[in-house]
Amino acid sequence: MTEQKVTIRVPSLEHPAVGRSDASYYRGAADKLRRGYEAGGSGVRNMIADLLDRVADQLNPDLNEPAMTDLERAYYTAARDLQGNARLRSGRGLLIATREQTYAEVKEWLDRAVQDVPGRIERAEPDPWQWVRQYRALKELLNHEAHEEASRG
C-alpha cells in the first residue's frame, strides 16, 4: 500500500456521549471494523462516511460530487418565502436570492460555484460543494416556476 498526504478537516460526532471524545469514537469504530462488527450507530457511521468522502475528495482530482444525504437533500431544497425571496429548507432557511434575481444571474452563480470547487477542496473547506448545491436548488426552483407559468399561460 502506498501512502499519500492530504489535508482534511476531521468530522465530529454531532451528539457525543458525555465524557467521550471524537478520538474515542474513531478508535472504537476502527477496533469494531477490524473484528468484523458494525462500526457503531448511525452517528458514528455518518461521521466515518463523511471522513472517507473528504479523503476521497482530496485524492480525486476529477472532483466527483459526493452524493447528498437525506438531510442535505432536505436542506438544499429552495422555495419562496412570504416576501417572494428564495430560501433553502423549503423557504424557511438561508436566504439565497431576492425575488429580483434572474435565471441568467443564477446560472452564472452556479457556473462560478462549480469552477471554485477545486480551490475549496484544496483549502479543505468543510463543504466544498455547498454553493453548487444551493445555486442548483435555486435554479431548479426557477425552472419549476417557469414551467408552472408556461402551463398556465
N, C-alpha and C. Protein backbone atom coordinates (compact mmCIF):
# COMPACT_ATOMS: atom_id res chain seq x y z
N MET A 1 0.85 -1.17 0.00
CA MET A 1 0.00 0.00 0.00
C MET A 1 0.90 1.24 0.00
N THR A 2 0.59 2.16 -0.92
CA THR A 2 1.35 3.41 -0.97
C THR A 2 0.62 4.45 -0.15
N GLU A 3 1.34 5.44 0.30
CA GLU A 3 0.74 6.48 1.12
C GLU A 3 0.80 7.81 0.38
N GLN A 4 -0.26 8.60 0.55
CA GLN A 4 -0.32 9.95 0.00
C GLN A 4 -0.69 10.89 1.14
N LYS A 5 -0.17 12.10 1.08
CA LYS A 5 -0.52 13.09 2.09
C LYS A 5 -1.65 13.97 1.57
N VAL A 6 -2.67 14.15 2.41
CA VAL A 6 -3.76 15.06 2.10
C VAL A 6 -4.09 15.84 3.38
N THR A 7 -4.74 16.97 3.20
CA THR A 7 -5.19 17.76 4.34
C THR A 7 -6.70 17.78 4.33
N ILE A 8 -7.30 17.34 5.42
CA ILE A 8 -8.75 17.35 5.52
C ILE A 8 -9.16 17.82 6.91
N ARG A 9 -10.39 18.24 7.03
CA ARG A 9 -10.98 18.53 8.32
C ARG A 9 -11.66 17.26 8.79
N VAL A 10 -11.35 16.84 9.98
CA VAL A 10 -11.92 15.60 10.52
C VAL A 10 -13.29 15.92 11.10
N PRO A 11 -14.34 15.22 10.63
CA PRO A 11 -15.67 15.49 11.15
C PRO A 11 -15.84 15.05 12.59
N SER A 12 -16.72 15.74 13.30
CA SER A 12 -17.02 15.41 14.69
C SER A 12 -18.39 14.76 14.78
N LEU A 13 -18.57 13.96 15.80
CA LEU A 13 -19.86 13.35 16.06
C LEU A 13 -20.82 14.44 16.52
N GLU A 14 -22.03 14.45 15.98
CA GLU A 14 -22.97 15.52 16.30
C GLU A 14 -23.43 15.51 17.75
N HIS A 15 -23.71 14.34 18.30
CA HIS A 15 -24.22 14.26 19.67
C HIS A 15 -23.42 13.23 20.46
N PRO A 16 -22.19 13.58 20.85
CA PRO A 16 -21.37 12.61 21.58
C PRO A 16 -21.88 12.40 23.00
N ALA A 17 -21.58 11.22 23.53
CA ALA A 17 -21.91 10.95 24.93
C ALA A 17 -21.02 11.81 25.82
N VAL A 18 -21.51 12.14 26.99
CA VAL A 18 -20.75 12.96 27.93
C VAL A 18 -19.44 12.26 28.26
N GLY A 19 -18.35 12.99 28.15
CA GLY A 19 -17.04 12.46 28.51
C GLY A 19 -16.33 11.70 27.39
N ARG A 20 -16.96 11.57 26.21
CA ARG A 20 -16.32 10.86 25.10
C ARG A 20 -15.82 11.86 24.07
N SER A 21 -14.66 11.59 23.53
CA SER A 21 -14.07 12.46 22.51
C SER A 21 -14.29 11.83 21.14
N ASP A 22 -14.09 12.64 20.10
CA ASP A 22 -14.16 12.10 18.74
C ASP A 22 -13.13 11.01 18.55
N ALA A 23 -11.95 11.21 19.14
CA ALA A 23 -10.89 10.21 19.01
C ALA A 23 -11.35 8.86 19.57
N SER A 24 -12.08 8.87 20.68
CA SER A 24 -12.54 7.61 21.26
C SER A 24 -13.56 6.92 20.36
N TYR A 25 -14.39 7.71 19.67
CA TYR A 25 -15.35 7.11 18.73
C TYR A 25 -14.64 6.52 17.52
N TYR A 26 -13.65 7.25 16.98
CA TYR A 26 -12.90 6.73 15.84
C TYR A 26 -12.12 5.47 16.22
N ARG A 27 -11.48 5.50 17.39
CA ARG A 27 -10.70 4.34 17.84
C ARG A 27 -11.62 3.13 18.05
N GLY A 28 -12.76 3.34 18.69
CA GLY A 28 -13.72 2.25 18.91
C GLY A 28 -14.26 1.70 17.61
N ALA A 29 -14.56 2.57 16.66
CA ALA A 29 -15.08 2.12 15.37
C ALA A 29 -14.02 1.32 14.61
N ALA A 30 -12.78 1.79 14.64
CA ALA A 30 -11.70 1.07 13.96
C ALA A 30 -11.54 -0.33 14.56
N ASP A 31 -11.59 -0.42 15.88
CA ASP A 31 -11.47 -1.71 16.54
C ASP A 31 -12.62 -2.65 16.14
N LYS A 32 -13.84 -2.13 16.14
CA LYS A 32 -15.00 -2.95 15.76
C LYS A 32 -14.91 -3.42 14.31
N LEU A 33 -14.49 -2.51 13.41
CA LEU A 33 -14.37 -2.88 11.99
C LEU A 33 -13.31 -3.96 11.79
N ARG A 34 -12.19 -3.86 12.50
CA ARG A 34 -11.13 -4.87 12.38
C ARG A 34 -11.61 -6.25 12.84
N ARG A 35 -12.55 -6.26 13.79
CA ARG A 35 -13.06 -7.53 14.31
C ARG A 35 -14.30 -8.01 13.54
N GLY A 36 -14.70 -7.24 12.48
CA GLY A 36 -15.81 -7.67 11.64
C GLY A 36 -17.19 -7.24 12.11
N TYR A 37 -17.24 -6.26 13.01
CA TYR A 37 -18.53 -5.78 13.52
C TYR A 37 -18.90 -4.45 12.87
N GLU A 38 -20.14 -4.03 13.09
CA GLU A 38 -20.57 -2.69 12.67
C GLU A 38 -19.72 -1.65 13.38
N ALA A 39 -19.44 -0.55 12.70
CA ALA A 39 -18.59 0.49 13.28
C ALA A 39 -19.24 1.17 14.48
N GLY A 40 -20.54 1.24 14.46
CA GLY A 40 -21.26 1.91 15.55
C GLY A 40 -22.64 2.29 15.08
N GLY A 41 -23.27 3.20 15.80
CA GLY A 41 -24.60 3.66 15.45
C GLY A 41 -24.58 4.56 14.23
N SER A 42 -25.75 5.11 13.89
CA SER A 42 -25.85 5.92 12.67
C SER A 42 -24.97 7.17 12.73
N GLY A 43 -24.82 7.77 13.90
CA GLY A 43 -23.96 8.95 14.02
C GLY A 43 -22.51 8.63 13.72
N VAL A 44 -22.03 7.51 14.25
CA VAL A 44 -20.65 7.09 14.01
C VAL A 44 -20.47 6.70 12.54
N ARG A 45 -21.43 5.97 11.98
CA ARG A 45 -21.34 5.59 10.57
C ARG A 45 -21.30 6.82 9.68
N ASN A 46 -22.15 7.82 9.97
CA ASN A 46 -22.16 9.05 9.17
C ASN A 46 -20.84 9.81 9.32
N MET A 47 -20.30 9.84 10.53
CA MET A 47 -19.04 10.52 10.78
C MET A 47 -17.91 9.87 9.96
N ILE A 48 -17.88 8.54 9.96
CA ILE A 48 -16.85 7.81 9.21
C ILE A 48 -17.05 8.00 7.70
N ALA A 49 -18.31 7.93 7.24
CA ALA A 49 -18.59 8.12 5.82
C ALA A 49 -18.18 9.53 5.38
N ASP A 50 -18.45 10.52 6.21
CA ASP A 50 -18.06 11.90 5.90
C ASP A 50 -16.54 12.02 5.83
N LEU A 51 -15.84 11.38 6.76
CA LEU A 51 -14.39 11.39 6.75
C LEU A 51 -13.85 10.77 5.45
N LEU A 52 -14.40 9.63 5.08
CA LEU A 52 -13.95 8.96 3.86
C LEU A 52 -14.27 9.78 2.61
N ASP A 53 -15.44 10.45 2.58
CA ASP A 53 -15.77 11.34 1.46
C ASP A 53 -14.74 12.46 1.34
N ARG A 54 -14.35 13.02 2.48
CA ARG A 54 -13.38 14.11 2.46
C ARG A 54 -12.01 13.64 1.98
N VAL A 55 -11.62 12.44 2.41
CA VAL A 55 -10.35 11.88 1.93
C VAL A 55 -10.43 11.66 0.42
N ALA A 56 -11.52 11.06 -0.03
CA ALA A 56 -11.68 10.79 -1.47
C ALA A 56 -11.68 12.08 -2.28
N ASP A 57 -12.32 13.14 -1.76
CA ASP A 57 -12.32 14.42 -2.45
C ASP A 57 -10.89 14.93 -2.64
N GLN A 58 -10.05 14.74 -1.63
CA GLN A 58 -8.67 15.22 -1.72
C GLN A 58 -7.83 14.36 -2.67
N LEU A 59 -8.15 13.08 -2.73
CA LEU A 59 -7.36 12.17 -3.57
C LEU A 59 -7.81 12.16 -5.03
N ASN A 60 -9.02 12.62 -5.29
CA ASN A 60 -9.59 12.54 -6.63
C ASN A 60 -9.53 13.89 -7.33
N PRO A 61 -8.65 14.05 -8.28
CA PRO A 61 -8.56 15.33 -8.98
C PRO A 61 -9.72 15.55 -9.95
N ASP A 62 -10.52 14.50 -10.22
CA ASP A 62 -11.65 14.64 -11.14
C ASP A 62 -12.84 15.34 -10.49
N LEU A 63 -12.82 15.46 -9.19
CA LEU A 63 -13.83 16.21 -8.45
C LEU A 63 -15.24 15.70 -8.66
N ASN A 64 -15.49 14.45 -8.39
CA ASN A 64 -16.84 13.92 -8.44
C ASN A 64 -17.59 14.37 -7.19
N GLU A 65 -18.72 14.97 -7.41
CA GLU A 65 -19.50 15.47 -6.28
C GLU A 65 -20.04 14.30 -5.47
N PRO A 66 -19.84 14.33 -4.15
CA PRO A 66 -20.38 13.24 -3.32
C PRO A 66 -21.90 13.29 -3.29
N ALA A 67 -22.51 12.13 -3.14
CA ALA A 67 -23.97 12.04 -3.06
C ALA A 67 -24.46 12.75 -1.80
N MET A 68 -25.62 13.37 -1.89
CA MET A 68 -26.18 14.06 -0.74
C MET A 68 -26.92 13.08 0.16
N THR A 69 -26.85 13.33 1.45
CA THR A 69 -27.62 12.56 2.41
C THR A 69 -29.07 13.06 2.39
N ASP A 70 -29.97 12.34 3.03
CA ASP A 70 -31.36 12.78 3.11
C ASP A 70 -31.48 14.15 3.77
N LEU A 71 -30.70 14.38 4.82
CA LEU A 71 -30.73 15.68 5.50
C LEU A 71 -30.25 16.80 4.58
N GLU A 72 -29.19 16.54 3.83
CA GLU A 72 -28.69 17.55 2.89
C GLU A 72 -29.71 17.82 1.79
N ARG A 73 -30.35 16.75 1.30
CA ARG A 73 -31.35 16.92 0.25
C ARG A 73 -32.51 17.80 0.76
N ALA A 74 -32.92 17.59 2.01
CA ALA A 74 -33.98 18.40 2.60
C ALA A 74 -33.53 19.85 2.76
N TYR A 75 -32.27 20.05 3.16
CA TYR A 75 -31.75 21.40 3.35
C TYR A 75 -31.63 22.13 2.01
N TYR A 76 -31.10 21.46 0.99
CA TYR A 76 -30.86 22.09 -0.31
C TYR A 76 -32.09 21.97 -1.21
N THR A 77 -33.25 22.37 -0.67
CA THR A 77 -34.49 22.46 -1.43
C THR A 77 -34.96 23.90 -1.31
N ALA A 78 -35.04 24.59 -2.44
CA ALA A 78 -35.38 26.02 -2.42
C ALA A 78 -36.88 26.23 -2.61
N ALA A 79 -37.39 27.27 -1.98
CA ALA A 79 -38.78 27.69 -2.15
C ALA A 79 -38.87 29.17 -1.80
N ARG A 80 -39.99 29.77 -2.13
CA ARG A 80 -40.19 31.20 -1.86
C ARG A 80 -40.72 31.39 -0.44
N ASP A 81 -40.26 32.48 0.20
CA ASP A 81 -40.82 32.85 1.49
C ASP A 81 -42.00 33.79 1.24
N LEU A 82 -42.60 34.33 2.29
CA LEU A 82 -43.78 35.18 2.15
C LEU A 82 -43.50 36.47 1.37
N GLN A 83 -42.25 36.92 1.38
CA GLN A 83 -41.88 38.14 0.65
C GLN A 83 -41.47 37.85 -0.80
N GLY A 84 -41.47 36.59 -1.20
CA GLY A 84 -41.10 36.23 -2.56
C GLY A 84 -39.62 35.96 -2.76
N ASN A 85 -38.84 35.98 -1.68
CA ASN A 85 -37.42 35.68 -1.77
C ASN A 85 -37.21 34.17 -1.77
N ALA A 86 -36.13 33.72 -2.39
CA ALA A 86 -35.83 32.29 -2.42
C ALA A 86 -34.96 31.93 -1.21
N ARG A 87 -35.37 30.88 -0.53
CA ARG A 87 -34.66 30.40 0.65
C ARG A 87 -34.49 28.89 0.57
N LEU A 88 -33.44 28.41 1.24
CA LEU A 88 -33.25 26.97 1.36
C LEU A 88 -34.23 26.43 2.39
N ARG A 89 -34.18 25.11 2.62
CA ARG A 89 -35.07 24.44 3.57
C ARG A 89 -36.53 24.74 3.26
N SER A 90 -36.88 24.59 1.99
CA SER A 90 -38.28 24.76 1.55
C SER A 90 -38.85 26.11 1.92
N GLY A 91 -38.03 27.15 1.83
CA GLY A 91 -38.50 28.51 2.08
C GLY A 91 -38.34 29.00 3.51
N ARG A 92 -37.78 28.17 4.40
CA ARG A 92 -37.65 28.55 5.81
C ARG A 92 -36.21 28.79 6.24
N GLY A 93 -35.25 28.55 5.36
CA GLY A 93 -33.84 28.61 5.74
C GLY A 93 -33.11 29.82 5.19
N LEU A 94 -31.85 29.61 4.88
CA LEU A 94 -30.94 30.65 4.41
C LEU A 94 -31.47 31.34 3.16
N LEU A 95 -31.46 32.67 3.17
CA LEU A 95 -31.84 33.47 2.00
C LEU A 95 -30.76 33.30 0.93
N ILE A 96 -31.16 32.85 -0.27
CA ILE A 96 -30.16 32.66 -1.33
C ILE A 96 -30.35 33.59 -2.51
N ALA A 97 -31.53 34.20 -2.62
CA ALA A 97 -31.76 35.16 -3.70
C ALA A 97 -33.02 35.97 -3.41
N THR A 98 -33.00 37.22 -3.85
CA THR A 98 -34.20 38.04 -3.74
C THR A 98 -35.11 37.70 -4.92
N ARG A 99 -36.32 38.22 -4.89
CA ARG A 99 -37.26 37.91 -5.97
C ARG A 99 -36.85 38.56 -7.29
N GLU A 100 -35.91 39.53 -7.24
CA GLU A 100 -35.47 40.21 -8.46
C GLU A 100 -34.41 39.44 -9.25
N GLN A 101 -33.79 38.42 -8.66
CA GLN A 101 -32.72 37.70 -9.35
C GLN A 101 -33.29 36.94 -10.56
N THR A 102 -32.53 37.01 -11.66
CA THR A 102 -32.98 36.37 -12.90
C THR A 102 -32.35 34.99 -13.06
N TYR A 103 -32.91 34.23 -13.97
CA TYR A 103 -32.38 32.91 -14.28
C TYR A 103 -30.93 33.02 -14.78
N ALA A 104 -30.64 34.01 -15.60
CA ALA A 104 -29.29 34.19 -16.13
C ALA A 104 -28.28 34.46 -15.02
N GLU A 105 -28.68 35.27 -14.05
CA GLU A 105 -27.80 35.54 -12.91
C GLU A 105 -27.51 34.26 -12.13
N VAL A 106 -28.57 33.51 -11.86
CA VAL A 106 -28.43 32.28 -11.09
C VAL A 106 -27.54 31.29 -11.83
N LYS A 107 -27.72 31.17 -13.14
CA LYS A 107 -26.89 30.27 -13.93
C LYS A 107 -25.42 30.69 -13.85
N GLU A 108 -25.17 31.98 -13.89
CA GLU A 108 -23.79 32.49 -13.77
C GLU A 108 -23.22 32.16 -12.39
N TRP A 109 -24.02 32.33 -11.34
CA TRP A 109 -23.57 31.99 -9.99
C TRP A 109 -23.22 30.52 -9.89
N LEU A 110 -24.08 29.68 -10.46
CA LEU A 110 -23.86 28.23 -10.41
C LEU A 110 -22.58 27.86 -11.16
N ASP A 111 -22.39 28.42 -12.35
CA ASP A 111 -21.18 28.13 -13.13
C ASP A 111 -19.92 28.54 -12.37
N ARG A 112 -19.97 29.71 -11.74
CA ARG A 112 -18.82 30.19 -10.96
C ARG A 112 -18.57 29.29 -9.75
N ALA A 113 -19.64 28.84 -9.11
CA ALA A 113 -19.50 27.97 -7.94
C ALA A 113 -18.84 26.64 -8.33
N VAL A 114 -19.22 26.10 -9.47
CA VAL A 114 -18.61 24.85 -9.94
C VAL A 114 -17.12 25.06 -10.20
N GLN A 115 -16.77 26.19 -10.80
CA GLN A 115 -15.36 26.48 -11.08
C GLN A 115 -14.54 26.64 -9.80
N ASP A 116 -15.18 27.09 -8.72
CA ASP A 116 -14.47 27.34 -7.47
C ASP A 116 -14.28 26.11 -6.59
N VAL A 117 -14.91 24.99 -6.94
CA VAL A 117 -14.83 23.78 -6.10
C VAL A 117 -13.39 23.31 -5.89
N PRO A 118 -12.53 23.24 -6.92
CA PRO A 118 -11.16 22.76 -6.67
C PRO A 118 -10.42 23.55 -5.60
N GLY A 119 -10.57 24.86 -5.60
CA GLY A 119 -9.92 25.69 -4.59
C GLY A 119 -10.47 25.44 -3.21
N ARG A 120 -11.79 25.22 -3.13
CA ARG A 120 -12.41 24.94 -1.83
C ARG A 120 -11.93 23.59 -1.28
N ILE A 121 -11.79 22.62 -2.16
CA ILE A 121 -11.30 21.31 -1.73
C ILE A 121 -9.84 21.44 -1.28
N GLU A 122 -9.06 22.18 -2.04
CA GLU A 122 -7.65 22.37 -1.70
C GLU A 122 -7.49 23.06 -0.35
N ARG A 123 -8.39 23.99 -0.04
CA ARG A 123 -8.35 24.69 1.26
C ARG A 123 -8.99 23.86 2.36
N ALA A 124 -9.46 22.66 2.04
CA ALA A 124 -10.10 21.75 3.00
C ALA A 124 -11.30 22.39 3.68
N GLU A 125 -12.11 23.11 2.89
CA GLU A 125 -13.33 23.68 3.45
C GLU A 125 -14.27 22.55 3.84
N PRO A 126 -15.07 22.74 4.89
CA PRO A 126 -15.93 21.67 5.38
C PRO A 126 -16.89 21.12 4.33
N ASP A 127 -17.46 21.98 3.48
CA ASP A 127 -18.38 21.52 2.44
C ASP A 127 -18.07 22.27 1.15
N PRO A 128 -17.13 21.77 0.36
CA PRO A 128 -16.75 22.49 -0.86
C PRO A 128 -17.87 22.56 -1.91
N TRP A 129 -18.89 21.74 -1.78
CA TRP A 129 -19.98 21.70 -2.75
C TRP A 129 -21.18 22.54 -2.31
N GLN A 130 -21.09 23.21 -1.18
CA GLN A 130 -22.21 23.96 -0.62
C GLN A 130 -22.81 24.95 -1.61
N TRP A 131 -22.00 25.78 -2.23
CA TRP A 131 -22.51 26.82 -3.13
C TRP A 131 -23.11 26.20 -4.38
N VAL A 132 -22.50 25.15 -4.89
CA VAL A 132 -23.05 24.47 -6.07
C VAL A 132 -24.45 23.96 -5.74
N ARG A 133 -24.58 23.33 -4.59
CA ARG A 133 -25.88 22.74 -4.21
C ARG A 133 -26.94 23.80 -3.99
N GLN A 134 -26.58 24.92 -3.36
CA GLN A 134 -27.61 25.93 -3.11
C GLN A 134 -28.03 26.63 -4.40
N TYR A 135 -27.10 26.90 -5.31
CA TYR A 135 -27.48 27.56 -6.56
C TYR A 135 -28.20 26.58 -7.48
N ARG A 136 -27.87 25.31 -7.41
CA ARG A 136 -28.58 24.30 -8.19
C ARG A 136 -30.04 24.20 -7.69
N ALA A 137 -30.23 24.26 -6.37
CA ALA A 137 -31.59 24.24 -5.82
C ALA A 137 -32.37 25.47 -6.28
N LEU A 138 -31.71 26.63 -6.31
CA LEU A 138 -32.36 27.85 -6.77
C LEU A 138 -32.71 27.75 -8.25
N LYS A 139 -31.81 27.21 -9.04
CA LYS A 139 -32.06 27.04 -10.47
C LYS A 139 -33.25 26.10 -10.70
N GLU A 140 -33.33 25.03 -9.92
CA GLU A 140 -34.46 24.11 -10.03
C GLU A 140 -35.77 24.80 -9.67
N LEU A 141 -35.74 25.66 -8.65
CA LEU A 141 -36.93 26.42 -8.28
C LEU A 141 -37.36 27.33 -9.43
N LEU A 142 -36.43 28.04 -10.02
CA LEU A 142 -36.76 28.94 -11.13
C LEU A 142 -37.28 28.16 -12.34
N ASN A 143 -36.69 26.99 -12.62
CA ASN A 143 -37.18 26.14 -13.71
C ASN A 143 -38.62 25.70 -13.44
N HIS A 144 -38.87 25.29 -12.21
CA HIS A 144 -40.22 24.85 -11.83
C HIS A 144 -41.22 26.00 -11.98
N GLU A 145 -40.85 27.17 -11.52
CA GLU A 145 -41.74 28.32 -11.63
C GLU A 145 -42.02 28.68 -13.09
N ALA A 146 -40.98 28.62 -13.94
CA ALA A 146 -41.17 28.92 -15.35
C ALA A 146 -42.09 27.89 -16.00
N HIS A 147 -41.94 26.62 -15.63
CA HIS A 147 -42.80 25.57 -16.18
C HIS A 147 -44.25 25.78 -15.74
N GLU A 148 -44.44 26.12 -14.45
CA GLU A 148 -45.79 26.37 -13.94
C GLU A 148 -46.44 27.54 -14.66
N GLU A 149 -45.68 28.59 -14.87
CA GLU A 149 -46.21 29.78 -15.54
C GLU A 149 -46.56 29.47 -17.00
N ALA A 150 -45.70 28.69 -17.67
CA ALA A 150 -45.96 28.33 -19.06
C ALA A 150 -47.20 27.43 -19.19
N SER A 151 -47.42 26.56 -18.22
CA SER A 151 -48.58 25.67 -18.30
C SER A 151 -49.89 26.42 -18.02
N ARG A 152 -49.81 27.53 -17.27
CA ARG A 152 -50.99 28.34 -17.01
C ARG A 152 -51.34 29.22 -18.21
N GLY A 153 -50.27 29.60 -18.93
CA GLY A 153 -50.32 30.59 -19.93
C GLY A 153 -51.02 30.52 -21.17
